[in-house]
Amino acid sequence: MNELMNAFESVFTRSNIFYMFRGLGVTLYVALISVILSIIFGTILALFRAYGNKFLKGFSVAYIELFRNTPNLLWVLAIRFMVRMPEPFDAPMYSGILAFTLFTSAVMAEIVRGGLNSVHAGQFEAAYSQGFNFFQTMVFIILPQCYKAIVPAMLSQVITVIKDTSFLAQVAIEEFFNNSKWIMSAQIDSTVNQSMRVFIIFGFVALVYFIINFTLSCIVRNSRKKQEA
């Protein structure tokens, strides 16, 4: 019991808690910005694939297939070490945002395309009969219905992005998992059972991820129930 208490006290110091939750802030920021940008770029790719000319359709298909059939970690590593980010986006965190945006945009494009396919073709005819052009039809009629239909799928992808931000630890970006690993390895105390410290740190990390993602999962389930009702 004393060993357990000593391990808890060595892990949950004020500085360690601050350091871990600062990393959690980076994790959530990277996930949030990546998802927002991915929805925008994914929507553009979906529109290209569904309604674009031959060149735009080809570009969209090539992009989606490239990123959906390669590992996300590969792009995290490639962009972190091979792409020089311009100022003021030269902080390591922004290379992570770029990698996740590029990868997740391909997934979002397929989600949005599924939503577009769920909108009845008669909606276009009704809009054109009221004098709407294509852009107005998409913005005011088609896309709102599309997004409403794909909210559960989008939220599921948000959960995936939050979990996958742990990949950024591989390139020393100070997100939640990386900072937790640093605490585990940087503070060695011979009076504390190190195996117990590792168990406590990783258990705490798992608990925080679980709370965030389980909350989002509940939102996803409720959204699906409302759509089915």
C-alpha atoms as a PDB file:
ATOM      1  CA  MET A   1       0.000   0.000   0.000  1.00  0.00           C
ATOM      2  CA  ASN A   2       2.855   2.363   0.846  1.00  0.00           C
ATOM      3  CA  GLU A   3       4.458   1.612  -2.515  1.00  0.00           C
ATOM      4  CA  LEU A   4       1.238   2.492  -4.295  1.00  0.00           C
ATOM      5  CA  MET A   5       0.879   5.766  -2.410  1.00  0.00           C
ATOM      6  CA  ASN A   6       4.501   6.677  -3.105  1.00  0.00           C
ATOM      7  CA  ALA A   7       3.987   5.949  -6.798  1.00  0.00           C
ATOM      8  CA  PHE A   8       0.839   8.110  -6.883  1.00  0.00           C
ATOM      9  CA  GLU A   9       2.613  10.952  -5.125  1.00  0.00           C
ATOM     10  CA  SER A  10       5.570  10.779  -7.505  1.00  0.00           C
ATOM     11  CA  VAL A  11       3.306  10.852 -10.573  1.00  0.00           C
ATOM     12  CA  PHE A  12       0.631  13.345  -9.592  1.00  0.00           C
ATOM     13  CA  THR A  13       2.741  16.288  -8.544  1.00  0.00           C
ATOM     14  CA  ARG A  14       1.473  19.748  -9.450  1.00  0.00           C
ATOM     15  CA  SER A  15       4.092  20.192 -12.166  1.00  0.00           C
ATOM     16  CA  ASN A  16       3.385  16.753 -13.664  1.00  0.00           C
ATOM     17  CA  ILE A  17      -0.370  17.321 -13.733  1.00  0.00           C
ATOM     18  CA  PHE A  18       0.117  20.718 -15.377  1.00  0.00           C
ATOM     19  CA  TYR A  19       2.513  19.219 -17.936  1.00  0.00           C
ATOM     20  CA  MET A  20       0.164  16.365 -18.839  1.00  0.00           C
ATOM     21  CA  PHE A  21      -2.900  18.581 -19.169  1.00  0.00           C
ATOM     22  CA  ARG A  22      -0.951  21.095 -21.220  1.00  0.00           C
ATOM     23  CA  GLY A  23      -0.303  18.186 -23.576  1.00  0.00           C
ATOM     24  CA  LEU A  24      -3.999  17.324 -23.475  1.00  0.00           C
ATOM     25  CA  GLY A  25      -4.741  20.880 -24.575  1.00  0.00           C
ATOM     26  CA  VAL A  26      -2.441  20.388 -27.569  1.00  0.00           C
ATOM     27  CA  THR A  27      -4.141  17.056 -28.344  1.00  0.00           C
ATOM     28  CA  LEU A  28      -7.622  18.586 -28.354  1.00  0.00           C
ATOM     29  CA  TYR A  29      -6.459  21.664 -30.295  1.00  0.00           C
ATOM     30  CA  VAL A  30      -4.811  19.550 -33.000  1.00  0.00           C
ATOM     31  CA  ALA A  31      -7.909  17.334 -33.232  1.00  0.00           C
ATOM     32  CA  LEU A  32     -10.332  20.284 -33.352  1.00  0.00           C
ATOM     33  CA  ILE A  33      -8.485  22.287 -36.008  1.00  0.00           C
ATOM     34  CA  SER A  34      -7.772  19.169 -38.065  1.00  0.00           C
ATOM     35  CA  VAL A  35     -11.435  18.141 -38.021  1.00  0.00           C
ATOM     36  CA  ILE A  36     -12.696  21.612 -38.974  1.00  0.00           C
ATOM     37  CA  LEU A  37     -10.246  21.883 -41.880  1.00  0.00           C
ATOM     38  CA  SER A  38     -10.958  18.294 -42.904  1.00  0.00           C
ATOM     39  CA  ILE A  39     -14.700  18.938 -43.087  1.00  0.00           C
ATOM     40  CA  ILE A  40     -14.052  21.936 -45.343  1.00  0.00           C
ATOM     41  CA  PHE A  41     -11.535  20.211 -47.637  1.00  0.00           C
ATOM     42  CA  GLY A  42     -13.403  16.909 -47.489  1.00  0.00           C
ATOM     43  CA  THR A  43     -16.590  18.645 -48.635  1.00  0.00           C
ATOM     44  CA  ILE A  44     -14.735  20.209 -51.562  1.00  0.00           C
ATOM     45  CA  LEU A  45     -13.289  16.822 -52.522  1.00  0.00           C
ATOM     46  CA  ALA A  46     -16.734  15.196 -52.263  1.00  0.00           C
ATOM     47  CA  LEU A  47     -18.263  17.884 -54.491  1.00  0.00           C
ATOM     48  CA  PHE A  48     -15.443  17.433 -57.005  1.00  0.00           C
ATOM     49  CA  ARG A  49     -16.037  13.690 -57.066  1.00  0.00           C
ATOM     50  CA  ALA A  50     -19.819  13.921 -57.278  1.00  0.00           C
ATOM     51  CA  TYR A  51     -20.310  16.915 -59.575  1.00  0.00           C
ATOM     52  CA  GLY A  52     -16.944  17.947 -61.000  1.00  0.00           C
ATOM     53  CA  ASN A  53     -15.591  17.599 -64.506  1.00  0.00           C
ATOM     54  CA  LYS A  54     -13.327  14.743 -65.541  1.00  0.00           C
ATOM     55  CA  PHE A  55     -10.156  16.401 -64.211  1.00  0.00           C
ATOM     56  CA  LEU A  56     -11.662  17.319 -60.818  1.00  0.00           C
ATOM     57  CA  LYS A  57     -13.183  13.862 -60.407  1.00  0.00           C
ATOM     58  CA  GLY A  58      -9.843  12.262 -61.237  1.00  0.00           C
ATOM     59  CA  PHE A  59      -7.994  14.486 -58.757  1.00  0.00           C
ATOM     60  CA  SER A  60     -10.522  13.763 -56.018  1.00  0.00           C
ATOM     61  CA  VAL A  61     -10.464  10.001 -56.577  1.00  0.00           C
ATOM     62  CA  ALA A  62      -6.648   9.924 -56.657  1.00  0.00           C
ATOM     63  CA  TYR A  63      -6.379  11.981 -53.461  1.00  0.00           C
ATOM     64  CA  ILE A  64      -8.946   9.933 -51.568  1.00  0.00           C
ATOM     65  CA  GLU A  65      -7.516   6.581 -52.602  1.00  0.00           C
ATOM     66  CA  LEU A  66      -3.943   7.671 -51.836  1.00  0.00           C
ATOM     67  CA  PHE A  67      -4.645   8.783 -48.281  1.00  0.00           C
ATOM     68  CA  ARG A  68      -7.242   6.145 -47.406  1.00  0.00           C
ATOM     69  CA  ASN A  69      -4.892   3.324 -48.385  1.00  0.00           C
ATOM     70  CA  THR A  70      -1.758   4.535 -46.594  1.00  0.00           C
ATOM     71  CA  PRO A  71      -1.104   4.752 -42.833  1.00  0.00           C
ATOM     72  CA  ASN A  72      -1.747   8.010 -41.044  1.00  0.00           C
ATOM     73  CA  LEU A  73       1.530   7.608 -39.138  1.00  0.00           C
ATOM     74  CA  LEU A  74       3.412   7.613 -42.449  1.00  0.00           C
ATOM     75  CA  TRP A  75       2.110  11.114 -43.224  1.00  0.00           C
ATOM     76  CA  VAL A  76       2.813  12.321 -39.701  1.00  0.00           C
ATOM     77  CA  LEU A  77       6.453  11.248 -40.059  1.00  0.00           C
ATOM     78  CA  ALA A  78       6.822  12.506 -43.633  1.00  0.00           C
ATOM     79  CA  ILE A  79       5.399  15.958 -42.978  1.00  0.00           C
ATOM     80  CA  ARG A  80       7.210  16.406 -39.668  1.00  0.00           C
ATOM     81  CA  PHE A  81      10.646  15.634 -41.110  1.00  0.00           C
ATOM     82  CA  MET A  82      10.315  16.493 -44.813  1.00  0.00           C
ATOM     83  CA  VAL A  83       8.061  19.560 -44.963  1.00  0.00           C
ATOM     84  CA  ARG A  84       9.280  22.938 -43.774  1.00  0.00           C
ATOM     85  CA  MET A  85       6.318  24.842 -42.362  1.00  0.00           C
ATOM     86  CA  PRO A  86       6.243  28.591 -43.100  1.00  0.00           C
ATOM     87  CA  GLU A  87       6.189  31.162 -40.332  1.00  0.00           C
ATOM     88  CA  PRO A  88       4.198  31.636 -38.136  1.00  0.00           C
ATOM     89  CA  PHE A  89       3.224  27.950 -38.494  1.00  0.00           C
ATOM     90  CA  ASP A  90       6.722  26.551 -37.987  1.00  0.00           C
ATOM     91  CA  ALA A  91       5.952  25.079 -34.541  1.00  0.00           C
ATOM     92  CA  PRO A  92       5.951  21.240 -34.544  1.00  0.00           C
ATOM     93  CA  MET A  93       2.265  21.201 -33.583  1.00  0.00           C
ATOM     94  CA  TYR A  94       1.281  22.654 -36.964  1.00  0.00           C
ATOM     95  CA  SER A  95       2.993  19.876 -38.884  1.00  0.00           C
ATOM     96  CA  GLY A  96       0.757  17.498 -36.935  1.00  0.00           C
ATOM     97  CA  ILE A  97      -2.312  19.531 -37.860  1.00  0.00           C
ATOM     98  CA  LEU A  98      -1.302  19.457 -41.539  1.00  0.00           C
ATOM     99  CA  ALA A  99      -0.734  15.688 -41.488  1.00  0.00           C
ATOM    100  CA  PHE A 100      -4.066  14.974 -39.814  1.00  0.00           C
ATOM    101  CA  THR A 101      -5.898  17.401 -42.077  1.00  0.00           C
ATOM    102  CA  LEU A 102      -4.536  15.799 -45.235  1.00  0.00           C
ATOM    103  CA  PHE A 103      -5.336  12.295 -44.031  1.00  0.00           C
ATOM    104  CA  THR A 104      -8.713  12.979 -42.442  1.00  0.00           C
ATOM    105  CA  SER A 105      -9.928  15.046 -45.419  1.00  0.00           C
ATOM    106  CA  ALA A 106      -9.955  11.860 -47.493  1.00  0.00           C
ATOM    107  CA  VAL A 107     -12.110  10.096 -44.910  1.00  0.00           C
ATOM    108  CA  MET A 108     -14.426  13.088 -44.537  1.00  0.00           C
ATOM    109  CA  ALA A 109     -14.779  13.289 -48.318  1.00  0.00           C
ATOM    110  CA  GLU A 110     -16.229   9.791 -48.420  1.00  0.00           C
ATOM    111  CA  ILE A 111     -18.526  10.540 -45.478  1.00  0.00           C
ATOM    112  CA  VAL A 112     -19.807  13.718 -47.171  1.00  0.00           C
ATOM    113  CA  ARG A 113     -20.201  11.907 -50.498  1.00  0.00           C
ATOM    114  CA  GLY A 114     -22.398   9.356 -48.766  1.00  0.00           C
ATOM    115  CA  GLY A 115     -24.465  12.208 -47.365  1.00  0.00           C
ATOM    116  CA  LEU A 116     -24.802  13.800 -50.788  1.00  0.00           C
ATOM    117  CA  ASN A 117     -25.998  10.507 -52.227  1.00  0.00           C
ATOM    118  CA  SER A 118     -28.694  10.323 -49.548  1.00  0.00           C
ATOM    119  CA  VAL A 119     -30.281  13.595 -50.712  1.00  0.00           C
ATOM    120  CA  HIS A 120     -33.071  12.940 -53.203  1.00  0.00           C
ATOM    121  CA  ALA A 121     -32.405  14.173 -56.753  1.00  0.00           C
ATOM    122  CA  GLY A 122     -35.744  15.939 -56.691  1.00  0.00           C
ATOM    123  CA  GLN A 123     -34.233  18.502 -54.336  1.00  0.00           C
ATOM    124  CA  PHE A 124     -32.102  19.797 -57.211  1.00  0.00           C
ATOM    125  CA  GLU A 125     -35.080  20.037 -59.516  1.00  0.00           C
ATOM    126  CA  ALA A 126     -37.124  21.879 -56.900  1.00  0.00           C
ATOM    127  CA  ALA A 127     -34.274  24.333 -56.263  1.00  0.00           C
ATOM    128  CA  TYR A 128     -33.693  25.028 -59.955  1.00  0.00           C
ATOM    129  CA  SER A 129     -37.415  25.594 -60.441  1.00  0.00           C
ATOM    130  CA  GLN A 130     -37.238  28.330 -57.808  1.00  0.00           C
ATOM    131  CA  GLY A 131     -34.400  30.073 -59.638  1.00  0.00           C
ATOM    132  CA  PHE A 132     -31.480  28.819 -57.523  1.00  0.00           C
ATOM    133  CA  ASN A 133     -28.175  28.295 -59.307  1.00  0.00           C
ATOM    134  CA  PHE A 134     -25.901  25.344 -58.528  1.00  0.00           C
ATOM    135  CA  PHE A 135     -23.916  27.149 -55.820  1.00  0.00           C
ATOM    136  CA  GLN A 136     -27.045  28.389 -54.050  1.00  0.00           C
ATOM    137  CA  THR A 137     -28.633  24.972 -54.305  1.00  0.00           C
ATOM    138  CA  MET A 138     -25.622  23.312 -52.664  1.00  0.00           C
ATOM    139  CA  VAL A 139     -25.175  25.895 -49.894  1.00  0.00           C
ATOM    140  CA  PHE A 140     -28.791  26.448 -48.896  1.00  0.00           C
ATOM    141  CA  ILE A 141     -30.506  23.151 -49.710  1.00  0.00           C
ATOM    142  CA  ILE A 142     -28.266  20.139 -50.384  1.00  0.00           C
ATOM    143  CA  LEU A 143     -25.382  20.538 -47.936  1.00  0.00           C
ATOM    144  CA  PRO A 144     -27.560  21.303 -44.874  1.00  0.00           C
ATOM    145  CA  GLN A 145     -29.486  18.079 -45.478  1.00  0.00           C
ATOM    146  CA  CYS A 146     -26.245  16.232 -46.169  1.00  0.00           C
ATOM    147  CA  TYR A 147     -24.562  17.365 -42.933  1.00  0.00           C
ATOM    148  CA  LYS A 148     -27.625  16.518 -40.882  1.00  0.00           C
ATOM    149  CA  ALA A 149     -27.513  12.966 -42.203  1.00  0.00           C
ATOM    150  CA  ILE A 150     -23.802  12.433 -41.547  1.00  0.00           C
ATOM    151  CA  VAL A 151     -23.429  13.906 -38.042  1.00  0.00           C
ATOM    152  CA  PRO A 152     -23.002  10.449 -36.404  1.00  0.00           C
ATOM    153  CA  ALA A 153     -20.356   9.402 -38.949  1.00  0.00           C
ATOM    154  CA  MET A 154     -18.503  12.687 -38.522  1.00  0.00           C
ATOM    155  CA  LEU A 155     -18.513  12.365 -34.735  1.00  0.00           C
ATOM    156  CA  SER A 156     -17.175   8.819 -35.051  1.00  0.00           C
ATOM    157  CA  GLN A 157     -14.316  10.180 -37.135  1.00  0.00           C
ATOM    158  CA  VAL A 158     -13.639  12.864 -34.512  1.00  0.00           C
ATOM    159  CA  ILE A 159     -13.163  10.068 -31.963  1.00  0.00           C
ATOM    160  CA  THR A 160     -10.672   8.387 -34.298  1.00  0.00           C
ATOM    161  CA  VAL A 161      -8.740  11.623 -34.763  1.00  0.00           C
ATOM    162  CA  ILE A 162      -8.490  12.232 -31.011  1.00  0.00           C
ATOM    163  CA  LYS A 163      -7.133   8.719 -30.449  1.00  0.00           C
ATOM    164  CA  ASP A 164      -4.738   8.939 -33.384  1.00  0.00           C
ATOM    165  CA  THR A 165      -3.153  12.163 -32.102  1.00  0.00           C
ATOM    166  CA  SER A 166      -1.059   9.818 -29.951  1.00  0.00           C
ATOM    167  CA  PHE A 167       0.918   9.195 -33.175  1.00  0.00           C
ATOM    168  CA  LEU A 168       2.406  12.657 -32.678  1.00  0.00           C
ATOM    169  CA  ALA A 169       4.415  11.257 -29.767  1.00  0.00           C
ATOM    170  CA  GLN A 170       6.528   9.475 -32.407  1.00  0.00           C
ATOM    171  CA  VAL A 171       7.779  12.856 -33.649  1.00  0.00           C
ATOM    172  CA  ALA A 172       8.214  14.453 -30.204  1.00  0.00           C
ATOM    173  CA  ILE A 173       5.254  16.824 -30.475  1.00  0.00           C
ATOM    174  CA  GLU A 174       4.195  17.756 -26.948  1.00  0.00           C
ATOM    175  CA  GLU A 175       0.715  16.279 -26.934  1.00  0.00           C
ATOM    176  CA  PHE A 176      -0.912  14.340 -24.096  1.00  0.00           C
ATOM    177  CA  PHE A 177       0.594  10.898 -24.709  1.00  0.00           C
ATOM    178  CA  ASN A 178       4.074  12.267 -25.391  1.00  0.00           C
ATOM    179  CA  ASN A 179       4.111  14.371 -22.220  1.00  0.00           C
ATOM    180  CA  SER A 180       2.904  11.428 -20.169  1.00  0.00           C
ATOM    181  CA  LYS A 181       5.705   9.268 -21.590  1.00  0.00           C
ATOM    182  CA  TRP A 182       8.227  11.972 -20.754  1.00  0.00           C
ATOM    183  CA  ILE A 183       7.116  12.019 -17.119  1.00  0.00           C
ATOM    184  CA  MET A 184       7.442   8.250 -16.995  1.00  0.00           C
ATOM    185  CA  SER A 185      10.985   8.220 -18.358  1.00  0.00           C
ATOM    186  CA  ALA A 186      12.461  11.476 -17.043  1.00  0.00           C
ATOM    187  CA  GLN A 187      11.810  11.141 -13.327  1.00  0.00           C
ATOM    188  CA  ILE A 188      13.501   8.062 -11.924  1.00  0.00           C
ATOM    189  CA  ASP A 189      13.280   7.609  -8.169  1.00  0.00           C
ATOM    190  CA  SER A 190      14.907   4.543  -6.633  1.00  0.00           C
ATOM    191  CA  THR A 191      12.485   4.683  -3.696  1.00  0.00           C
ATOM    192  CA  VAL A 192       9.449   4.245  -5.954  1.00  0.00           C
ATOM    193  CA  ASN A 193       8.351   1.063  -7.702  1.00  0.00           C
ATOM    194  CA  GLN A 194       8.877   1.992 -11.361  1.00  0.00           C
ATOM    195  CA  SER A 195       6.558  -0.683 -12.730  1.00  0.00           C
ATOM    196  CA  MET A 196       3.797   0.712 -10.576  1.00  0.00           C
ATOM    197  CA  ARG A 197       4.540   4.243 -11.827  1.00  0.00           C
ATOM    198  CA  VAL A 198       4.263   3.056 -15.426  1.00  0.00           C
ATOM    199  CA  PHE A 199       0.957   1.335 -14.664  1.00  0.00           C
ATOM    200  CA  ILE A 200      -0.428   4.477 -12.996  1.00  0.00           C
ATOM    201  CA  ILE A 201       0.659   6.831 -15.792  1.00  0.00           C
ATOM    202  CA  PHE A 202      -0.625   4.666 -18.628  1.00  0.00           C
ATOM    203  CA  GLY A 203      -3.784   3.921 -16.663  1.00  0.00           C
ATOM    204  CA  PHE A 204      -4.396   7.638 -16.204  1.00  0.00           C
ATOM    205  CA  VAL A 205      -3.771   8.292 -19.909  1.00  0.00           C
ATOM    206  CA  ALA A 206      -6.191   5.528 -20.867  1.00  0.00           C
ATOM    207  CA  LEU A 207      -8.806   6.884 -18.446  1.00  0.00           C
ATOM    208  CA  VAL A 208      -8.623  10.419 -19.874  1.00  0.00           C
ATOM    209  CA  TYR A 209      -8.890   9.164 -23.464  1.00  0.00           C
ATOM    210  CA  PHE A 210     -11.776   6.914 -22.431  1.00  0.00           C
ATOM    211  CA  ILE A 211     -13.718   9.738 -20.746  1.00  0.00           C
ATOM    212  CA  ILE A 212     -13.374  12.027 -23.766  1.00  0.00           C
ATOM    213  CA  ASN A 213     -14.140   9.410 -26.397  1.00  0.00           C
ATOM    214  CA  PHE A 214     -16.883   7.651 -24.430  1.00  0.00           C
ATOM    215  CA  THR A 215     -18.647  10.996 -24.042  1.00  0.00           C
ATOM    216  CA  LEU A 216     -18.441  11.532 -27.801  1.00  0.00           C
ATOM    217  CA  SER A 217     -19.592   7.942 -28.397  1.00  0.00           C
ATOM    218  CA  CYS A 218     -22.699   8.608 -26.304  1.00  0.00           C
ATOM    219  CA  ILE A 219     -23.380  11.698 -28.406  1.00  0.00           C
ATOM    220  CA  VAL A 220     -22.988   9.592 -31.572  1.00  0.00           C
ATOM    221  CA  ARG A 221     -25.457   6.972 -30.296  1.00  0.00           C
ATOM    222  CA  ASN A 222     -27.981   9.629 -29.324  1.00  0.00           C
ATOM    223  CA  SER A 223     -27.645  11.267 -32.751  1.00  0.00           C
ATOM    224  CA  ARG A 224     -28.313   7.951 -34.466  1.00  0.00           C
ATOM    225  CA  LYS A 225     -31.340   7.260 -32.278  1.00  0.00           C
ATOM    226  CA  LYS A 226     -32.789  10.688 -33.135  1.00  0.00           C
ATOM    227  CA  GLN A 227     -32.274  10.051 -36.859  1.00  0.00           C
ATOM    228  CA  GLU A 228     -33.912   6.622 -36.636  1.00  0.00           C
ATOM    229  CA  ALA A 229     -36.877   7.933 -34.591  1.00  0.00           C
END
